[in-house]
Amino acid sequence: MIEVTLYHDGCSICQDIEWTMAAAFATDLHRYEAVDLSQQKDRYGEAKALGIERLPSLVIDGQVLRLEDHSPIDHYQ
């Protein structure tokens, strides 16, 4: 199973990306999770440990991919 996690800041752009990713990864081959760091600040350390510096970022099996780079993660520390 492929692990897919979207880390984002809850803005309208990120919410659109979250909806799109949820639809794209809604298969038996993927385990998808979205983490809104504006609401889930306890997940900040996890995101930093993965190497995330900007939001939104998509993590697929440990590989970080930046999407629509617009928010520094340190806003959610």
PDB file of N, CA and C in Angstrom:
ATOM      1  N   MET A   1       0.848  -1.180   0.000  1.00  0.00           N
ATOM      2  CA  MET A   1       0.000   0.000   0.000  1.00  0.00           C
ATOM      3  C   MET A   1       0.894   1.244   0.000  1.00  0.00           C
ATOM      4  N   ILE A   2       0.565   2.198  -0.831  1.00  0.00           N
ATOM      5  CA  ILE A   2       1.332   3.438  -0.951  1.00  0.00           C
ATOM      6  C   ILE A   2       0.767   4.464   0.029  1.00  0.00           C
ATOM      7  N   GLU A   3       1.635   4.998   0.880  1.00  0.00           N
ATOM      8  CA  GLU A   3       1.261   6.016   1.858  1.00  0.00           C
ATOM      9  C   GLU A   3       1.327   7.394   1.200  1.00  0.00           C
ATOM     10  N   VAL A   4       0.239   8.143   1.264  1.00  0.00           N
ATOM     11  CA  VAL A   4       0.164   9.477   0.680  1.00  0.00           C
ATOM     12  C   VAL A   4      -0.395  10.427   1.734  1.00  0.00           C
ATOM     13  N   THR A   5       0.376  11.490   2.027  1.00  0.00           N
ATOM     14  CA  THR A   5      -0.077  12.474   3.005  1.00  0.00           C
ATOM     15  C   THR A   5       0.098  13.869   2.432  1.00  0.00           C
ATOM     16  N   LEU A   6      -0.961  14.652   2.505  1.00  0.00           N
ATOM     17  CA  LEU A   6      -0.929  16.048   2.093  1.00  0.00           C
ATOM     18  C   LEU A   6      -0.849  16.907   3.353  1.00  0.00           C
ATOM     19  N   TYR A   7       0.198  17.710   3.465  1.00  0.00           N
ATOM     20  CA  TYR A   7       0.333  18.677   4.549  1.00  0.00           C
ATOM     21  C   TYR A   7      -0.010  20.038   3.966  1.00  0.00           C
ATOM     22  N   HIS A   8      -0.919  20.759   4.622  1.00  0.00           N
ATOM     23  CA  HIS A   8      -1.353  22.041   4.085  1.00  0.00           C
ATOM     24  C   HIS A   8      -1.732  22.986   5.208  1.00  0.00           C
ATOM     25  N   ASP A   9      -2.145  24.210   4.833  1.00  0.00           N
ATOM     26  CA  ASP A   9      -2.439  25.238   5.838  1.00  0.00           C
ATOM     27  C   ASP A   9      -3.919  25.603   5.938  1.00  0.00           C
ATOM     28  N   GLY A  10      -4.774  24.902   5.217  1.00  0.00           N
ATOM     29  CA  GLY A  10      -6.210  25.124   5.344  1.00  0.00           C
ATOM     30  C   GLY A  10      -6.788  26.234   4.495  1.00  0.00           C
ATOM     31  N   CYS A  11      -5.977  26.910   3.691  1.00  0.00           N
ATOM     32  CA  CYS A  11      -6.496  27.990   2.840  1.00  0.00           C
ATOM     33  C   CYS A  11      -7.377  27.403   1.736  1.00  0.00           C
ATOM     34  N   SER A  12      -8.051  28.246   0.999  1.00  0.00           N
ATOM     35  CA  SER A  12      -8.973  27.764  -0.040  1.00  0.00           C
ATOM     36  C   SER A  12      -8.237  27.000  -1.149  1.00  0.00           C
ATOM     37  N   ILE A  13      -7.040  27.429  -1.499  1.00  0.00           N
ATOM     38  CA  ILE A  13      -6.252  26.700  -2.510  1.00  0.00           C
ATOM     39  C   ILE A  13      -5.944  25.301  -1.994  1.00  0.00           C
ATOM     40  N   CYS A  14      -5.509  25.223  -0.736  1.00  0.00           N
ATOM     41  CA  CYS A  14      -5.165  23.926  -0.147  1.00  0.00           C
ATOM     42  C   CYS A  14      -6.388  23.025  -0.005  1.00  0.00           C
ATOM     43  N   GLN A  15      -7.524  23.605   0.300  1.00  0.00           N
ATOM     44  CA  GLN A  15      -8.740  22.800   0.407  1.00  0.00           C
ATOM     45  C   GLN A  15      -9.116  22.201  -0.943  1.00  0.00           C
ATOM     46  N   ASP A  16      -8.917  22.973  -2.010  1.00  0.00           N
ATOM     47  CA  ASP A  16      -9.159  22.443  -3.357  1.00  0.00           C
ATOM     48  C   ASP A  16      -8.185  21.314  -3.676  1.00  0.00           C
ATOM     49  N   ILE A  17      -6.918  21.502  -3.320  1.00  0.00           N
ATOM     50  CA  ILE A  17      -5.916  20.461  -3.547  1.00  0.00           C
ATOM     51  C   ILE A  17      -6.267  19.221  -2.732  1.00  0.00           C
ATOM     52  N   GLU A  18      -6.690  19.417  -1.476  1.00  0.00           N
ATOM     53  CA  GLU A  18      -7.065  18.285  -0.620  1.00  0.00           C
ATOM     54  C   GLU A  18      -8.193  17.482  -1.255  1.00  0.00           C
ATOM     55  N   TRP A  19      -9.215  18.157  -1.763  1.00  0.00           N
ATOM     56  CA  TRP A  19     -10.341  17.478  -2.406  1.00  0.00           C
ATOM     57  C   TRP A  19      -9.873  16.687  -3.626  1.00  0.00           C
ATOM     58  N   THR A  20      -9.017  17.302  -4.437  1.00  0.00           N
ATOM     59  CA  THR A  20      -8.507  16.645  -5.642  1.00  0.00           C
ATOM     60  C   THR A  20      -7.671  15.419  -5.288  1.00  0.00           C
ATOM     61  N   MET A  21      -6.794  15.560  -4.300  1.00  0.00           N
ATOM     62  CA  MET A  21      -5.938  14.443  -3.894  1.00  0.00           C
ATOM     63  C   MET A  21      -6.764  13.310  -3.292  1.00  0.00           C
ATOM     64  N   ALA A  22      -7.753  13.652  -2.488  1.00  0.00           N
ATOM     65  CA  ALA A  22      -8.607  12.620  -1.887  1.00  0.00           C
ATOM     66  C   ALA A  22      -9.303  11.800  -2.976  1.00  0.00           C
ATOM     67  N   ALA A  23      -9.768  12.476  -4.014  1.00  0.00           N
ATOM     68  CA  ALA A  23     -10.417  11.773  -5.122  1.00  0.00           C
ATOM     69  C   ALA A  23      -9.408  10.934  -5.908  1.00  0.00           C
ATOM     70  N   ALA A  24      -8.222  11.481  -6.140  1.00  0.00           N
ATOM     71  CA  ALA A  24      -7.207  10.784  -6.931  1.00  0.00           C
ATOM     72  C   ALA A  24      -6.660   9.553  -6.216  1.00  0.00           C
ATOM     73  N   PHE A  25      -6.546   9.626  -4.901  1.00  0.00           N
ATOM     74  CA  PHE A  25      -5.932   8.532  -4.150  1.00  0.00           C
ATOM     75  C   PHE A  25      -6.948   7.665  -3.410  1.00  0.00           C
ATOM     76  N   ALA A  26      -8.204   7.749  -3.788  1.00  0.00           N
ATOM     77  CA  ALA A  26      -9.249   6.927  -3.173  1.00  0.00           C
ATOM     78  C   ALA A  26      -9.288   5.563  -3.854  1.00  0.00           C
ATOM     79  N   THR A  27      -8.231   4.793  -3.635  1.00  0.00           N
ATOM     80  CA  THR A  27      -8.141   3.453  -4.215  1.00  0.00           C
ATOM     81  C   THR A  27      -7.663   2.484  -3.142  1.00  0.00           C
ATOM     82  N   ASP A  28      -7.742   1.213  -3.452  1.00  0.00           N
ATOM     83  CA  ASP A  28      -7.245   0.186  -2.537  1.00  0.00           C
ATOM     84  C   ASP A  28      -5.722   0.139  -2.518  1.00  0.00           C
ATOM     85  N   LEU A  29      -5.075   0.839  -3.444  1.00  0.00           N
ATOM     86  CA  LEU A  29      -3.617   0.843  -3.529  1.00  0.00           C
ATOM     87  C   LEU A  29      -2.978   1.940  -2.680  1.00  0.00           C
ATOM     88  N   HIS A  30      -3.777   2.887  -2.212  1.00  0.00           N
ATOM     89  CA  HIS A  30      -3.254   4.047  -1.484  1.00  0.00           C
ATOM     90  C   HIS A  30      -3.898   4.189  -0.114  1.00  0.00           C
ATOM     91  N   ARG A  31      -3.124   4.707   0.809  1.00  0.00           N
ATOM     92  CA  ARG A  31      -3.686   5.165   2.079  1.00  0.00           C
ATOM     93  C   ARG A  31      -3.435   6.659   2.120  1.00  0.00           C
ATOM     94  N   TYR A  32      -4.498   7.435   1.986  1.00  0.00           N
ATOM     95  CA  TYR A  32      -4.403   8.888   1.881  1.00  0.00           C
ATOM     96  C   TYR A  32      -4.824   9.547   3.185  1.00  0.00           C
ATOM     97  N   GLU A  33      -4.066  10.580   3.558  1.00  0.00           N
ATOM     98  CA  GLU A  33      -4.398  11.394   4.725  1.00  0.00           C
ATOM     99  C   GLU A  33      -4.061  12.850   4.413  1.00  0.00           C
ATOM    100  N   ALA A  34      -4.893  13.751   4.884  1.00  0.00           N
ATOM    101  CA  ALA A  34      -4.616  15.185   4.778  1.00  0.00           C
ATOM    102  C   ALA A  34      -4.385  15.728   6.177  1.00  0.00           C
ATOM    103  N   VAL A  35      -3.333  16.544   6.315  1.00  0.00           N
ATOM    104  CA  VAL A  35      -2.993  17.154   7.597  1.00  0.00           C
ATOM    105  C   VAL A  35      -3.045  18.666   7.425  1.00  0.00           C
ATOM    106  N   ASP A  36      -4.010  19.297   8.077  1.00  0.00           N
ATOM    107  CA  ASP A  36      -4.156  20.748   8.061  1.00  0.00           C
ATOM    108  C   ASP A  36      -3.407  21.290   9.276  1.00  0.00           C
ATOM    109  N   LEU A  37      -2.219  21.834   9.049  1.00  0.00           N
ATOM    110  CA  LEU A  37      -1.380  22.286  10.165  1.00  0.00           C
ATOM    111  C   LEU A  37      -1.946  23.499  10.881  1.00  0.00           C
ATOM    112  N   SER A  38      -2.908  24.195  10.288  1.00  0.00           N
ATOM    113  CA  SER A  38      -3.543  25.289  11.014  1.00  0.00           C
ATOM    114  C   SER A  38      -4.471  24.736  12.102  1.00  0.00           C
ATOM    115  N   GLN A  39      -4.923  23.489  11.930  1.00  0.00           N
ATOM    116  CA  GLN A  39      -5.797  22.833  12.897  1.00  0.00           C
ATOM    117  C   GLN A  39      -5.089  21.735  13.694  1.00  0.00           C
ATOM    118  N   GLN A  40      -4.050  21.157  13.117  1.00  0.00           N
ATOM    119  CA  GLN A  40      -3.354  20.024  13.719  1.00  0.00           C
ATOM    120  C   GLN A  40      -1.899  20.401  14.009  1.00  0.00           C
ATOM    121  N   LYS A  41      -1.690  21.415  14.822  1.00  0.00           N
ATOM    122  CA  LYS A  41      -0.339  21.924  15.082  1.00  0.00           C
ATOM    123  C   LYS A  41       0.558  20.890  15.750  1.00  0.00           C
ATOM    124  N   ASP A  42      -0.032  19.898  16.389  1.00  0.00           N
ATOM    125  CA  ASP A  42       0.754  18.835  17.002  1.00  0.00           C
ATOM    126  C   ASP A  42       1.480  17.981  15.962  1.00  0.00           C
ATOM    127  N   ARG A  43       1.147  18.110  14.687  1.00  0.00           N
ATOM    128  CA  ARG A  43       1.788  17.346  13.607  1.00  0.00           C
ATOM    129  C   ARG A  43       2.942  18.111  12.962  1.00  0.00           C
ATOM    130  N   TYR A  44       3.225  19.336  13.461  1.00  0.00           N
ATOM    131  CA  TYR A  44       4.298  20.178  12.920  1.00  0.00           C
ATOM    132  C   TYR A  44       5.640  19.442  12.942  1.00  0.00           C
ATOM    133  N   GLY A  45       6.007  18.861  14.083  1.00  0.00           N
ATOM    134  CA  GLY A  45       7.290  18.169  14.215  1.00  0.00           C
ATOM    135  C   GLY A  45       7.441  17.032  13.217  1.00  0.00           C
ATOM    136  N   GLU A  46       6.375  16.311  13.004  1.00  0.00           N
ATOM    137  CA  GLU A  46       6.358  15.220  12.026  1.00  0.00           C
ATOM    138  C   GLU A  46       6.648  15.755  10.625  1.00  0.00           C
ATOM    139  N   ALA A  47       5.993  16.849  10.270  1.00  0.00           N
ATOM    140  CA  ALA A  47       6.194  17.452   8.943  1.00  0.00           C
ATOM    141  C   ALA A  47       7.638  17.939   8.780  1.00  0.00           C
ATOM    142  N   LYS A  48       8.167  18.600   9.797  1.00  0.00           N
ATOM    143  CA  LYS A  48       9.556  19.087   9.734  1.00  0.00           C
ATOM    144  C   LYS A  48      10.536  17.923   9.615  1.00  0.00           C
ATOM    145  N   ALA A  49      10.281  16.841  10.338  1.00  0.00           N
ATOM    146  CA  ALA A  49      11.159  15.668  10.289  1.00  0.00           C
ATOM    147  C   ALA A  49      11.192  15.049   8.891  1.00  0.00           C
ATOM    148  N   LEU A  50      10.111  15.184   8.153  1.00  0.00           N
ATOM    149  CA  LEU A  50      10.056  14.688   6.777  1.00  0.00           C
ATOM    150  C   LEU A  50      10.805  15.602   5.807  1.00  0.00           C
ATOM    151  N   GLY A  51      11.139  16.812   6.256  1.00  0.00           N
ATOM    152  CA  GLY A  51      11.842  17.761   5.396  1.00  0.00           C
ATOM    153  C   GLY A  51      10.939  18.794   4.756  1.00  0.00           C
ATOM    154  N   ILE A  52       9.715  18.900   5.213  1.00  0.00           N
ATOM    155  CA  ILE A  52       8.781  19.871   4.645  1.00  0.00           C
ATOM    156  C   ILE A  52       9.140  21.265   5.142  1.00  0.00           C
ATOM    157  N   GLU A  53       9.284  22.193   4.211  1.00  0.00           N
ATOM    158  CA  GLU A  53       9.593  23.583   4.530  1.00  0.00           C
ATOM    159  C   GLU A  53       8.500  24.543   4.066  1.00  0.00           C
ATOM    160  N   ARG A  54       7.736  24.147   3.050  1.00  0.00           N
ATOM    161  CA  ARG A  54       6.689  24.987   2.479  1.00  0.00           C
ATOM    162  C   ARG A  54       5.407  24.175   2.353  1.00  0.00           C
ATOM    163  N   LEU A  55       4.289  24.876   2.444  1.00  0.00           N
ATOM    164  CA  LEU A  55       2.981  24.235   2.309  1.00  0.00           C
ATOM    165  C   LEU A  55       2.280  24.770   1.078  1.00  0.00           C
ATOM    166  N   PRO A  56       1.482  23.975   0.433  1.00  0.00           N
ATOM    167  CA  PRO A  56       1.243  22.571   0.699  1.00  0.00           C
ATOM    168  C   PRO A  56       2.358  21.691   0.147  1.00  0.00           C
ATOM    169  N   SER A  57       2.523  20.545   0.766  1.00  0.00           N
ATOM    170  CA  SER A  57       3.453  19.525   0.295  1.00  0.00           C
ATOM    171  C   SER A  57       2.764  18.175   0.355  1.00  0.00           C
ATOM    172  N   LEU A  58       3.052  17.364  -0.631  1.00  0.00           N
ATOM    173  CA  LEU A  58       2.516  16.021  -0.715  1.00  0.00           C
ATOM    174  C   LEU A  58       3.660  15.059  -0.438  1.00  0.00           C
ATOM    175  N   VAL A  59       3.431  14.091   0.428  1.00  0.00           N
ATOM    176  CA  VAL A  59       4.444  13.088   0.741  1.00  0.00           C
ATOM    177  C   VAL A  59       3.929  11.739   0.249  1.00  0.00           C
ATOM    178  N   ILE A  60       4.684  11.148  -0.672  1.00  0.00           N
ATOM    179  CA  ILE A  60       4.330   9.840  -1.214  1.00  0.00           C
ATOM    180  C   ILE A  60       5.448   8.873  -0.863  1.00  0.00           C
ATOM    181  N   ASP A  61       5.129   7.931   0.003  1.00  0.00           N
ATOM    182  CA  ASP A  61       6.110   6.956   0.488  1.00  0.00           C
ATOM    183  C   ASP A  61       7.420   7.624   0.909  1.00  0.00           C
ATOM    184  N   GLY A  62       7.309   8.711   1.659  1.00  0.00           N
ATOM    185  CA  GLY A  62       8.479   9.389   2.209  1.00  0.00           C
ATOM    186  C   GLY A  62       9.114  10.439   1.307  1.00  0.00           C
ATOM    187  N   GLN A  63       8.688  10.528   0.060  1.00  0.00           N
ATOM    188  CA  GLN A  63       9.206  11.529  -0.882  1.00  0.00           C
ATOM    189  C   GLN A  63       8.358  12.783  -0.800  1.00  0.00           C
ATOM    190  N   VAL A  64       8.985  13.920  -0.525  1.00  0.00           N
ATOM    191  CA  VAL A  64       8.258  15.182  -0.393  1.00  0.00           C
ATOM    192  C   VAL A  64       8.187  15.882  -1.743  1.00  0.00           C
ATOM    193  N   LEU A  65       6.966  16.253  -2.125  1.00  0.00           N
ATOM    194  CA  LEU A  65       6.721  17.000  -3.354  1.00  0.00           C
ATOM    195  C   LEU A  65       6.019  18.295  -2.983  1.00  0.00           C
ATOM    196  N   ARG A  66       6.564  19.422  -3.378  1.00  0.00           N
ATOM    197  CA  ARG A  66       5.898  20.705  -3.120  1.00  0.00           C
ATOM    198  C   ARG A  66       4.799  20.929  -4.142  1.00  0.00           C
ATOM    199  N   LEU A  67       3.712  21.527  -3.663  1.00  0.00           N
ATOM    200  CA  LEU A  67       2.579  21.865  -4.527  1.00  0.00           C
ATOM    201  C   LEU A  67       2.227  23.327  -4.302  1.00  0.00           C
ATOM    202  N   GLU A  68       2.017  24.095  -5.330  1.00  0.00           N
ATOM    203  CA  GLU A  68       1.516  25.468  -5.188  1.00  0.00           C
ATOM    204  C   GLU A  68       2.166  26.177  -3.994  1.00  0.00           C
ATOM    205  N   ASP A  69       3.473  26.197  -4.002  1.00  0.00           N
ATOM    206  CA  ASP A  69       4.322  26.692  -2.911  1.00  0.00           C
ATOM    207  C   ASP A  69       3.932  28.102  -2.465  1.00  0.00           C
ATOM    208  N   HIS A  70       3.274  28.217  -1.292  1.00  0.00           N
ATOM    209  CA  HIS A  70       2.830  29.553  -0.875  1.00  0.00           C
ATOM    210  C   HIS A  70       2.910  29.846   0.605  1.00  0.00           C
ATOM    211  N   SER A  71       3.212  28.904   1.455  1.00  0.00           N
ATOM    212  CA  SER A  71       3.184  29.176   2.889  1.00  0.00           C
ATOM    213  C   SER A  71       4.339  28.493   3.593  1.00  0.00           C
ATOM    214  N   PRO A  72       5.160  29.253   4.338  1.00  0.00           N
ATOM    215  CA  PRO A  72       6.227  28.603   5.098  1.00  0.00           C
ATOM    216  C   PRO A  72       5.651  27.792   6.261  1.00  0.00           C
ATOM    217  N   ILE A  73       6.180  26.621   6.470  1.00  0.00           N
ATOM    218  CA  ILE A  73       5.679  25.742   7.517  1.00  0.00           C
ATOM    219  C   ILE A  73       5.870  26.341   8.902  1.00  0.00           C
ATOM    220  N   ASP A  74       6.866  27.172   9.091  1.00  0.00           N
ATOM    221  CA  ASP A  74       7.151  27.720  10.418  1.00  0.00           C
ATOM    222  C   ASP A  74       6.025  28.604  10.959  1.00  0.00           C
ATOM    223  N   HIS A  75       5.052  28.960  10.148  1.00  0.00           N
ATOM    224  CA  HIS A  75       3.886  29.697  10.642  1.00  0.00           C
ATOM    225  C   HIS A  75       3.049  28.849  11.594  1.00  0.00           C
ATOM    226  N   TYR A  76       3.251  27.525  11.558  1.00  0.00           N
ATOM    227  CA  TYR A  76       2.406  26.597  12.293  1.00  0.00           C
ATOM    228  C   TYR A  76       3.146  25.895  13.425  1.00  0.00           C
ATOM    229  N   GLN A  77       4.259  26.433  13.801  1.00  0.00           N
ATOM    230  CA  GLN A  77       5.111  25.876  14.854  1.00  0.00           C
ATOM    231  C   GLN A  77       4.478  26.043  16.206  1.00  0.00           C
TER     232      GLN A  77
END
